[in-house]
């Protein structure tokens, strides 16, 4: 397992992040899972964490087509955020 520290992050940042070792080199899909979560954004990862912590369910597959932990909400502005800020400005 790789030790992550501020120094290792800095060292790998300087090298263009090309020297990181694979974190799951033998990550082959299992024949079956107890739970499959589609989407590895904040909600999907949160659901997997909750299942493990609160219910002891650790045989979980989290499937994502893009980057883990990002989700579509990261790049999409929410209408509620804009409405709230515009309401605050109108009150001033």
PDB file of N, CA and C in Angstrom:
ATOM      1  N   UNK A   1       0.854  -1.184   0.000  1.00  0.00           N
ATOM      2  CA  UNK A   1       0.000   0.000   0.000  1.00  0.00           C
ATOM      3  C   UNK A   1       0.887   1.229   0.000  1.00  0.00           C
ATOM      4  N   UNK A   2       0.532   2.196  -0.790  1.00  0.00           N
ATOM      5  CA  UNK A   2       1.288   3.429  -0.901  1.00  0.00           C
ATOM      6  C   UNK A   2       1.042   4.319   0.305  1.00  0.00           C
ATOM      7  N   UNK A   3       2.114   4.913   0.809  1.00  0.00           N
ATOM      8  CA  UNK A   3       1.994   5.870   1.903  1.00  0.00           C
ATOM      9  C   UNK A   3       1.791   7.258   1.293  1.00  0.00           C
ATOM     10  N   UNK A   4       0.681   7.890   1.609  1.00  0.00           N
ATOM     11  CA  UNK A   4       0.393   9.219   1.086  1.00  0.00           C
ATOM     12  C   UNK A   4       0.774  10.252   2.135  1.00  0.00           C
ATOM     13  N   UNK A   5       1.595  11.187   1.740  1.00  0.00           N
ATOM     14  CA  UNK A   5       1.991  12.278   2.625  1.00  0.00           C
ATOM     15  C   UNK A   5       2.125  13.535   1.782  1.00  0.00           C
ATOM     16  N   UNK A   6       2.304  14.660   2.440  1.00  0.00           N
ATOM     17  CA  UNK A   6       2.493  15.917   1.706  1.00  0.00           C
ATOM     18  C   UNK A   6       3.724  15.830   0.826  1.00  0.00           C
ATOM     19  N   UNK A   7       4.780  15.191   1.328  1.00  0.00           N
ATOM     20  CA  UNK A   7       6.026  15.071   0.551  1.00  0.00           C
ATOM     21  C   UNK A   7       5.823  14.183  -0.672  1.00  0.00           C
ATOM     22  N   UNK A   8       5.110  13.057  -0.520  1.00  0.00           N
ATOM     23  CA  UNK A   8       4.896  12.178  -1.677  1.00  0.00           C
ATOM     24  C   UNK A   8       4.001  12.854  -2.715  1.00  0.00           C
ATOM     25  N   UNK A   9       3.007  13.635  -2.263  1.00  0.00           N
ATOM     26  CA  UNK A   9       2.159  14.367  -3.201  1.00  0.00           C
ATOM     27  C   UNK A   9       2.967  15.407  -3.975  1.00  0.00           C
ATOM     28  N   UNK A  10       3.841  16.133  -3.272  1.00  0.00           N
ATOM     29  CA  UNK A  10       4.677  17.143  -3.925  1.00  0.00           C
ATOM     30  C   UNK A  10       5.637  16.497  -4.916  1.00  0.00           C
ATOM     31  N   UNK A  11       6.287  15.408  -4.492  1.00  0.00           N
ATOM     32  CA  UNK A  11       7.237  14.707  -5.363  1.00  0.00           C
ATOM     33  C   UNK A  11       6.550  14.213  -6.634  1.00  0.00           C
ATOM     34  N   UNK A  12       5.370  13.643  -6.494  1.00  0.00           N
ATOM     35  CA  UNK A  12       4.665  13.133  -7.672  1.00  0.00           C
ATOM     36  C   UNK A  12       4.076  14.251  -8.523  1.00  0.00           C
ATOM     37  N   UNK A  13       3.732  15.363  -7.913  1.00  0.00           N
ATOM     38  CA  UNK A  13       3.234  16.510  -8.688  1.00  0.00           C
ATOM     39  C   UNK A  13       4.332  17.042  -9.598  1.00  0.00           C
ATOM     40  N   UNK A  14       5.548  17.099  -9.090  1.00  0.00           N
ATOM     41  CA  UNK A  14       6.684  17.593  -9.887  1.00  0.00           C
ATOM     42  C   UNK A  14       6.962  16.653 -11.058  1.00  0.00           C
ATOM     43  N   UNK A  15       6.745  15.348 -10.865  1.00  0.00           N
ATOM     44  CA  UNK A  15       7.024  14.382 -11.933  1.00  0.00           C
ATOM     45  C   UNK A  15       5.835  14.222 -12.889  1.00  0.00           C
ATOM     46  N   UNK A  16       4.819  15.067 -12.751  1.00  0.00           N
ATOM     47  CA  UNK A  16       3.656  14.981 -13.637  1.00  0.00           C
ATOM     48  C   UNK A  16       2.718  13.843 -13.267  1.00  0.00           C
ATOM     49  N   UNK A  17       2.796  13.381 -12.043  1.00  0.00           N
ATOM     50  CA  UNK A  17       1.943  12.295 -11.527  1.00  0.00           C
ATOM     51  C   UNK A  17       2.068  11.018 -12.350  1.00  0.00           C
ATOM     52  N   UNK A  18       3.260  10.769 -12.905  1.00  0.00           N
ATOM     53  CA  UNK A  18       3.464   9.578 -13.724  1.00  0.00           C
ATOM     54  C   UNK A  18       4.095   8.430 -12.947  1.00  0.00           C
ATOM     55  N   UNK A  19       4.521   8.676 -11.718  1.00  0.00           N
ATOM     56  CA  UNK A  19       5.224   7.638 -10.960  1.00  0.00           C
ATOM     57  C   UNK A  19       4.391   7.004  -9.859  1.00  0.00           C
ATOM     58  N   UNK A  20       3.109   7.305  -9.818  1.00  0.00           N
ATOM     59  CA  UNK A  20       2.259   6.678  -8.806  1.00  0.00           C
ATOM     60  C   UNK A  20       2.133   5.197  -9.103  1.00  0.00           C
ATOM     61  N   UNK A  21       2.261   4.342  -8.093  1.00  0.00           N
ATOM     62  CA  UNK A  21       2.019   2.915  -8.330  1.00  0.00           C
ATOM     63  C   UNK A  21       0.517   2.652  -8.429  1.00  0.00           C
ATOM     64  N   UNK A  22       0.152   1.578  -9.112  1.00  0.00           N
ATOM     65  CA  UNK A  22      -1.259   1.206  -9.203  1.00  0.00           C
ATOM     66  C   UNK A  22      -1.778   0.891  -7.815  1.00  0.00           C
ATOM     67  N   UNK A  23      -2.953   1.404  -7.489  1.00  0.00           N
ATOM     68  CA  UNK A  23      -3.521   1.173  -6.164  1.00  0.00           C
ATOM     69  C   UNK A  23      -4.272  -0.140  -6.080  1.00  0.00           C
ATOM     70  N   UNK A  24      -4.852  -0.579  -7.176  1.00  0.00           N
ATOM     71  CA  UNK A  24      -5.578  -1.849  -7.215  1.00  0.00           C
ATOM     72  C   UNK A  24      -5.092  -2.645  -8.421  1.00  0.00           C
ATOM     73  N   UNK A  25      -3.855  -3.167  -8.365  1.00  0.00           N
ATOM     74  CA  UNK A  25      -3.309  -3.843  -9.546  1.00  0.00           C
ATOM     75  C   UNK A  25      -4.067  -5.112  -9.924  1.00  0.00           C
ATOM     76  N   UNK A  26      -4.734  -5.765  -8.981  1.00  0.00           N
ATOM     77  CA  UNK A  26      -5.440  -6.999  -9.287  1.00  0.00           C
ATOM     78  C   UNK A  26      -6.957  -6.816  -9.200  1.00  0.00           C
ATOM     79  N   UNK A  27      -7.429  -5.661  -9.613  1.00  0.00           N
ATOM     80  CA  UNK A  27      -8.853  -5.334  -9.491  1.00  0.00           C
ATOM     81  C   UNK A  27      -9.675  -6.009 -10.582  1.00  0.00           C
ATOM     82  N   UNK A  28      -9.892  -7.288 -10.419  1.00  0.00           N
ATOM     83  CA  UNK A  28     -10.737  -8.038 -11.348  1.00  0.00           C
ATOM     84  C   UNK A  28     -12.145  -8.117 -10.761  1.00  0.00           C
ATOM     85  N   UNK A  29     -13.166  -7.962 -11.585  1.00  0.00           N
ATOM     86  CA  UNK A  29     -14.541  -8.059 -11.068  1.00  0.00           C
ATOM     87  C   UNK A  29     -14.812  -9.441 -10.468  1.00  0.00           C
ATOM     88  N   UNK A  30     -15.583  -9.453  -9.396  1.00  0.00           N
ATOM     89  CA  UNK A  30     -15.998 -10.716  -8.783  1.00  0.00           C
ATOM     90  C   UNK A  30     -17.188 -11.271  -9.562  1.00  0.00           C
ATOM     91  N   UNK A  31     -17.534 -12.509  -9.288  1.00  0.00           N
ATOM     92  CA  UNK A  31     -18.691 -13.122  -9.961  1.00  0.00           C
ATOM     93  C   UNK A  31     -20.004 -12.560  -9.436  1.00  0.00           C
ATOM     94  N   UNK A  32     -20.015 -12.123  -8.164  1.00  0.00           N
ATOM     95  CA  UNK A  32     -21.239 -11.551  -7.607  1.00  0.00           C
ATOM     96  C   UNK A  32     -20.911 -10.569  -6.493  1.00  0.00           C
ATOM     97  N   UNK A  33     -21.851  -9.648  -6.284  1.00  0.00           N
ATOM     98  CA  UNK A  33     -21.745  -8.638  -5.232  1.00  0.00           C
ATOM     99  C   UNK A  33     -23.059  -8.611  -4.465  1.00  0.00           C
ATOM    100  N   UNK A  34     -22.990  -8.149  -3.219  1.00  0.00           N
ATOM    101  CA  UNK A  34     -24.222  -7.963  -2.443  1.00  0.00           C
ATOM    102  C   UNK A  34     -24.972  -6.727  -2.916  1.00  0.00           C
ATOM    103  N   UNK A  35     -24.212  -5.688  -3.292  1.00  0.00           N
ATOM    104  CA  UNK A  35     -24.802  -4.416  -3.738  1.00  0.00           C
ATOM    105  C   UNK A  35     -23.987  -3.880  -4.896  1.00  0.00           C
ATOM    106  N   UNK A  36     -24.667  -3.321  -5.891  1.00  0.00           N
ATOM    107  CA  UNK A  36     -23.995  -2.618  -6.983  1.00  0.00           C
ATOM    108  C   UNK A  36     -24.536  -1.200  -7.005  1.00  0.00           C
ATOM    109  N   UNK A  37     -23.618  -0.224  -6.926  1.00  0.00           N
ATOM    110  CA  UNK A  37     -23.995   1.187  -6.947  1.00  0.00           C
ATOM    111  C   UNK A  37     -23.508   1.774  -8.260  1.00  0.00           C
ATOM    112  N   UNK A  38     -24.411   2.370  -9.007  1.00  0.00           N
ATOM    113  CA  UNK A  38     -24.059   2.991 -10.280  1.00  0.00           C
ATOM    114  C   UNK A  38     -23.864   4.480 -10.028  1.00  0.00           C
ATOM    115  N   UNK A  39     -22.649   4.948 -10.256  1.00  0.00           N
ATOM    116  CA  UNK A  39     -22.311   6.344 -10.046  1.00  0.00           C
ATOM    117  C   UNK A  39     -21.397   6.506  -8.839  1.00  0.00           C
ATOM    118  N   UNK A  40     -20.172   6.949  -9.088  1.00  0.00           N
ATOM    119  CA  UNK A  40     -19.183   7.091  -8.015  1.00  0.00           C
ATOM    120  C   UNK A  40     -18.944   8.547  -7.672  1.00  0.00           C
ATOM    121  N   UNK A  41     -20.007   9.358  -7.773  1.00  0.00           N
ATOM    122  CA  UNK A  41     -19.912  10.737  -7.291  1.00  0.00           C
ATOM    123  C   UNK A  41     -20.052  10.733  -5.774  1.00  0.00           C
ATOM    124  N   UNK A  42     -20.307  11.877  -5.225  1.00  0.00           N
ATOM    125  CA  UNK A  42     -20.419  11.996  -3.781  1.00  0.00           C
ATOM    126  C   UNK A  42     -21.505  11.113  -3.187  1.00  0.00           C
ATOM    127  N   UNK A  43     -22.654  11.028  -3.853  1.00  0.00           N
ATOM    128  CA  UNK A  43     -23.760  10.224  -3.322  1.00  0.00           C
ATOM    129  C   UNK A  43     -23.469   8.729  -3.420  1.00  0.00           C
ATOM    130  N   UNK A  44     -22.892   8.292  -4.523  1.00  0.00           N
ATOM    131  CA  UNK A  44     -22.573   6.873  -4.675  1.00  0.00           C
ATOM    132  C   UNK A  44     -21.521   6.409  -3.682  1.00  0.00           C
ATOM    133  N   UNK A  45     -20.454   7.198  -3.535  1.00  0.00           N
ATOM    134  CA  UNK A  45     -19.419   6.838  -2.577  1.00  0.00           C
ATOM    135  C   UNK A  45     -19.937   6.936  -1.151  1.00  0.00           C
ATOM    136  N   UNK A  46     -20.790   7.937  -0.900  1.00  0.00           N
ATOM    137  CA  UNK A  46     -21.395   8.065   0.420  1.00  0.00           C
ATOM    138  C   UNK A  46     -22.281   6.879   0.756  1.00  0.00           C
ATOM    139  N   UNK A  47     -23.027   6.399  -0.227  1.00  0.00           N
ATOM    140  CA  UNK A  47     -23.887   5.230  -0.013  1.00  0.00           C
ATOM    141  C   UNK A  47     -23.047   3.992   0.298  1.00  0.00           C
ATOM    142  N   UNK A  48     -21.944   3.817  -0.431  1.00  0.00           N
ATOM    143  CA  UNK A  48     -21.065   2.668  -0.183  1.00  0.00           C
ATOM    144  C   UNK A  48     -20.458   2.751   1.221  1.00  0.00           C
ATOM    145  N   UNK A  49     -20.033   3.934   1.615  1.00  0.00           N
ATOM    146  CA  UNK A  49     -19.471   4.135   2.948  1.00  0.00           C
ATOM    147  C   UNK A  49     -20.513   3.837   4.020  1.00  0.00           C
ATOM    148  N   UNK A  50     -21.714   4.347   3.840  1.00  0.00           N
ATOM    149  CA  UNK A  50     -22.802   4.136   4.793  1.00  0.00           C
ATOM    150  C   UNK A  50     -23.122   2.645   4.939  1.00  0.00           C
ATOM    151  N   UNK A  51     -23.194   1.927   3.816  1.00  0.00           N
ATOM    152  CA  UNK A  51     -23.485   0.499   3.868  1.00  0.00           C
ATOM    153  C   UNK A  51     -22.412  -0.256   4.648  1.00  0.00           C
ATOM    154  N   UNK A  52     -21.150   0.126   4.451  1.00  0.00           N
ATOM    155  CA  UNK A  52     -20.057  -0.544   5.154  1.00  0.00           C
ATOM    156  C   UNK A  52     -20.053  -0.197   6.636  1.00  0.00           C
ATOM    157  N   UNK A  53     -20.194   1.093   6.935  1.00  0.00           N
ATOM    158  CA  UNK A  53     -20.091   1.542   8.328  1.00  0.00           C
ATOM    159  C   UNK A  53     -21.300   1.144   9.163  1.00  0.00           C
ATOM    160  N   UNK A  54     -22.476   1.370   8.647  1.00  0.00           N
ATOM    161  CA  UNK A  54     -23.695   1.148   9.438  1.00  0.00           C
ATOM    162  C   UNK A  54     -24.261  -0.270   9.351  1.00  0.00           C
ATOM    163  N   UNK A  55     -23.988  -0.971   8.248  1.00  0.00           N
ATOM    164  CA  UNK A  55     -24.608  -2.278   8.051  1.00  0.00           C
ATOM    165  C   UNK A  55     -23.598  -3.409   7.836  1.00  0.00           C
ATOM    166  N   UNK A  56     -22.321  -3.091   7.783  1.00  0.00           N
ATOM    167  CA  UNK A  56     -21.295  -4.121   7.612  1.00  0.00           C
ATOM    168  C   UNK A  56     -21.273  -4.755   6.239  1.00  0.00           C
ATOM    169  N   UNK A  57     -21.904  -4.117   5.256  1.00  0.00           N
ATOM    170  CA  UNK A  57     -21.938  -4.662   3.884  1.00  0.00           C
ATOM    171  C   UNK A  57     -20.718  -4.118   3.135  1.00  0.00           C
ATOM    172  N   UNK A  58     -19.740  -4.994   2.922  1.00  0.00           N
ATOM    173  CA  UNK A  58     -18.500  -4.558   2.261  1.00  0.00           C
ATOM    174  C   UNK A  58     -18.292  -5.189   0.891  1.00  0.00           C
ATOM    175  N   UNK A  59     -19.161  -6.101   0.497  1.00  0.00           N
ATOM    176  CA  UNK A  59     -19.064  -6.711  -0.824  1.00  0.00           C
ATOM    177  C   UNK A  59     -19.870  -5.852  -1.805  1.00  0.00           C
ATOM    178  N   UNK A  60     -19.330  -4.660  -2.094  1.00  0.00           N
ATOM    179  CA  UNK A  60     -20.034  -3.645  -2.875  1.00  0.00           C
ATOM    180  C   UNK A  60     -19.209  -3.274  -4.104  1.00  0.00           C
ATOM    181  N   UNK A  61     -19.860  -3.163  -5.244  1.00  0.00           N
ATOM    182  CA  UNK A  61     -19.223  -2.657  -6.458  1.00  0.00           C
ATOM    183  C   UNK A  61     -19.767  -1.265  -6.731  1.00  0.00           C
ATOM    184  N   UNK A  62     -18.861  -0.303  -6.900  1.00  0.00           N
ATOM    185  CA  UNK A  62     -19.249   1.057  -7.274  1.00  0.00           C
ATOM    186  C   UNK A  62     -18.765   1.250  -8.701  1.00  0.00           C
ATOM    187  N   UNK A  63     -19.678   1.486  -9.613  1.00  0.00           N
ATOM    188  CA  UNK A  63     -19.358   1.562 -11.045  1.00  0.00           C
ATOM    189  C   UNK A  63     -19.456   3.017 -11.506  1.00  0.00           C
ATOM    190  N   UNK A  64     -18.436   3.460 -12.232  1.00  0.00           N
ATOM    191  CA  UNK A  64     -18.414   4.832 -12.748  1.00  0.00           C
ATOM    192  C   UNK A  64     -17.756   4.826 -14.120  1.00  0.00           C
ATOM    193  N   UNK A  65     -18.286   5.604 -15.038  1.00  0.00           N
ATOM    194  CA  UNK A  65     -17.693   5.663 -16.374  1.00  0.00           C
ATOM    195  C   UNK A  65     -16.589   6.706 -16.467  1.00  0.00           C
ATOM    196  N   UNK A  66     -16.546   7.631 -15.524  1.00  0.00           N
ATOM    197  CA  UNK A  66     -15.517   8.682 -15.545  1.00  0.00           C
ATOM    198  C   UNK A  66     -14.646   8.621 -14.310  1.00  0.00           C
ATOM    199  N   UNK A  67     -14.290   9.783 -13.796  1.00  0.00           N
ATOM    200  CA  UNK A  67     -13.441   9.892 -12.616  1.00  0.00           C
ATOM    201  C   UNK A  67     -14.229   9.565 -11.363  1.00  0.00           C
ATOM    202  N   UNK A  68     -13.597   8.874 -10.425  1.00  0.00           N
ATOM    203  CA  UNK A  68     -14.243   8.543  -9.158  1.00  0.00           C
ATOM    204  C   UNK A  68     -14.342   9.779  -8.286  1.00  0.00           C
ATOM    205  N   UNK A  69     -15.470   9.927  -7.628  1.00  0.00           N
ATOM    206  CA  UNK A  69     -15.651  11.009  -6.677  1.00  0.00           C
ATOM    207  C   UNK A  69     -16.039  12.350  -7.257  1.00  0.00           C
ATOM    208  N   UNK A  70     -16.209  12.454  -8.559  1.00  0.00           N
ATOM    209  CA  UNK A  70     -16.520  13.745  -9.167  1.00  0.00           C
ATOM    210  C   UNK A  70     -18.016  13.897  -9.380  1.00  0.00           C
ATOM    211  N   UNK A  71     -18.614  13.027 -10.113  1.00  0.00           N
ATOM    212  CA  UNK A  71     -20.048  13.127 -10.386  1.00  0.00           C
ATOM    213  C   UNK A  71     -20.366  14.265 -11.341  1.00  0.00           C
ATOM    214  N   UNK A  72     -21.602  14.336 -11.802  1.00  0.00           N
ATOM    215  CA  UNK A  72     -21.982  15.371 -12.762  1.00  0.00           C
ATOM    216  C   UNK A  72     -22.289  16.692 -12.084  1.00  0.00           C
ATOM    217  N   UNK A  73     -22.632  16.678 -10.805  1.00  0.00           N
ATOM    218  CA  UNK A  73     -22.975  17.914 -10.107  1.00  0.00           C
ATOM    219  C   UNK A  73     -21.771  18.825  -9.921  1.00  0.00           C
ATOM    220  N   UNK A  74     -20.566  18.273  -9.979  1.00  0.00           N
ATOM    221  CA  UNK A  74     -19.362  19.088  -9.771  1.00  0.00           C
ATOM    222  C   UNK A  74     -19.204  20.130 -10.879  1.00  0.00           C
ATOM    223  N   UNK A  75     -19.623  19.805 -12.088  1.00  0.00           N
ATOM    224  CA  UNK A  75     -19.445  20.721 -13.212  1.00  0.00           C
ATOM    225  C   UNK A  75     -20.728  21.437 -13.605  1.00  0.00           C
ATOM    226  N   UNK A  76     -21.832  21.076 -12.984  1.00  0.00           N
ATOM    227  CA  UNK A  76     -23.117  21.647 -13.348  1.00  0.00           C
ATOM    228  C   UNK A  76     -23.583  22.624 -12.279  1.00  0.00           C
ATOM    229  N   UNK A  77     -23.718  23.896 -12.613  1.00  0.00           N
ATOM    230  CA  UNK A  77     -24.228  24.831 -11.603  1.00  0.00           C
ATOM    231  C   UNK A  77     -25.667  24.503 -11.247  1.00  0.00           C
ATOM    232  N   UNK A  78     -25.991  24.597  -9.999  1.00  0.00           N
ATOM    233  CA  UNK A  78     -27.347  24.284  -9.557  1.00  0.00           C
ATOM    234  C   UNK A  78     -28.196  25.538  -9.567  1.00  0.00           C
ATOM    235  N   UNK A  79     -29.426  25.386  -9.955  1.00  0.00           N
ATOM    236  CA  UNK A  79     -30.319  26.540 -10.013  1.00  0.00           C
ATOM    237  C   UNK A  79     -30.597  27.078  -8.613  1.00  0.00           C
ATOM    238  N   UNK A  80     -30.629  26.219  -7.596  1.00  0.00           N
ATOM    239  CA  UNK A  80     -30.915  26.687  -6.242  1.00  0.00           C
ATOM    240  C   UNK A  80     -29.809  27.593  -5.725  1.00  0.00           C
ATOM    241  N   UNK A  81     -28.545  27.312  -6.084  1.00  0.00           N
ATOM    242  CA  UNK A  81     -27.430  28.152  -5.638  1.00  0.00           C
ATOM    243  C   UNK A  81     -27.552  29.544  -6.258  1.00  0.00           C
ATOM    244  N   UNK A  82     -27.920  29.607  -7.527  1.00  0.00           N
ATOM    245  CA  UNK A  82     -28.055  30.895  -8.195  1.00  0.00           C
ATOM    246  C   UNK A  82     -29.246  31.674  -7.617  1.00  0.00           C
ATOM    247  N   UNK A  83     -30.333  30.990  -7.391  1.00  0.00           N
ATOM    248  CA  UNK A  83     -31.522  31.645  -6.854  1.00  0.00           C
ATOM    249  C   UNK A  83     -31.231  32.230  -5.476  1.00  0.00           C
ATOM    250  N   UNK A  84     -30.520  31.479  -4.644  1.00  0.00           N
ATOM    251  CA  UNK A  84     -30.197  31.934  -3.292  1.00  0.00           C
ATOM    252  C   UNK A  84     -29.329  33.182  -3.347  1.00  0.00           C
ATOM    253  N   UNK A  85     -28.279  33.172  -4.189  1.00  0.00           N
ATOM    254  CA  UNK A  85     -27.389  34.330  -4.246  1.00  0.00           C
ATOM    255  C   UNK A  85     -28.115  35.546  -4.831  1.00  0.00           C
ATOM    256  N   UNK A  86     -29.003  35.322  -5.797  1.00  0.00           N
ATOM    257  CA  UNK A  86     -29.725  36.447  -6.382  1.00  0.00           C
ATOM    258  C   UNK A  86     -30.731  36.998  -5.385  1.00  0.00           C
ATOM    259  N   UNK A  87     -31.322  36.145  -4.565  1.00  0.00           N
ATOM    260  CA  UNK A  87     -32.263  36.587  -3.547  1.00  0.00           C
ATOM    261  C   UNK A  87     -31.540  37.443  -2.507  1.00  0.00           C
ATOM    262  N   UNK A  88     -30.327  37.028  -2.124  1.00  0.00           N
ATOM    263  CA  UNK A  88     -29.543  37.805  -1.154  1.00  0.00           C
ATOM    264  C   UNK A  88     -29.195  39.181  -1.721  1.00  0.00           C
ATOM    265  N   UNK A  89     -28.817  39.207  -3.014  1.00  0.00           N
ATOM    266  CA  UNK A  89     -28.465  40.494  -3.640  1.00  0.00           C
ATOM    267  C   UNK A  89     -29.688  41.411  -3.700  1.00  0.00           C
ATOM    268  N   UNK A  90     -30.852  40.845  -3.996  1.00  0.00           N
ATOM    269  CA  UNK A  90     -32.067  41.643  -4.106  1.00  0.00           C
ATOM    270  C   UNK A  90     -32.439  42.231  -2.733  1.00  0.00           C
ATOM    271  N   UNK A  91     -32.119  41.514  -1.674  1.00  0.00           N
ATOM    272  CA  UNK A  91     -32.460  41.989  -0.336  1.00  0.00           C
ATOM    273  C   UNK A  91     -31.583  43.163   0.083  1.00  0.00           C
ATOM    274  N   UNK A  92     -30.398  43.269  -0.514  1.00  0.00           N
ATOM    275  CA  UNK A  92     -29.498  44.363  -0.171  1.00  0.00           C
ATOM    276  C   UNK A  92     -30.028  45.617  -0.768  1.00  0.00           C
TER     277      UNK A  92
END
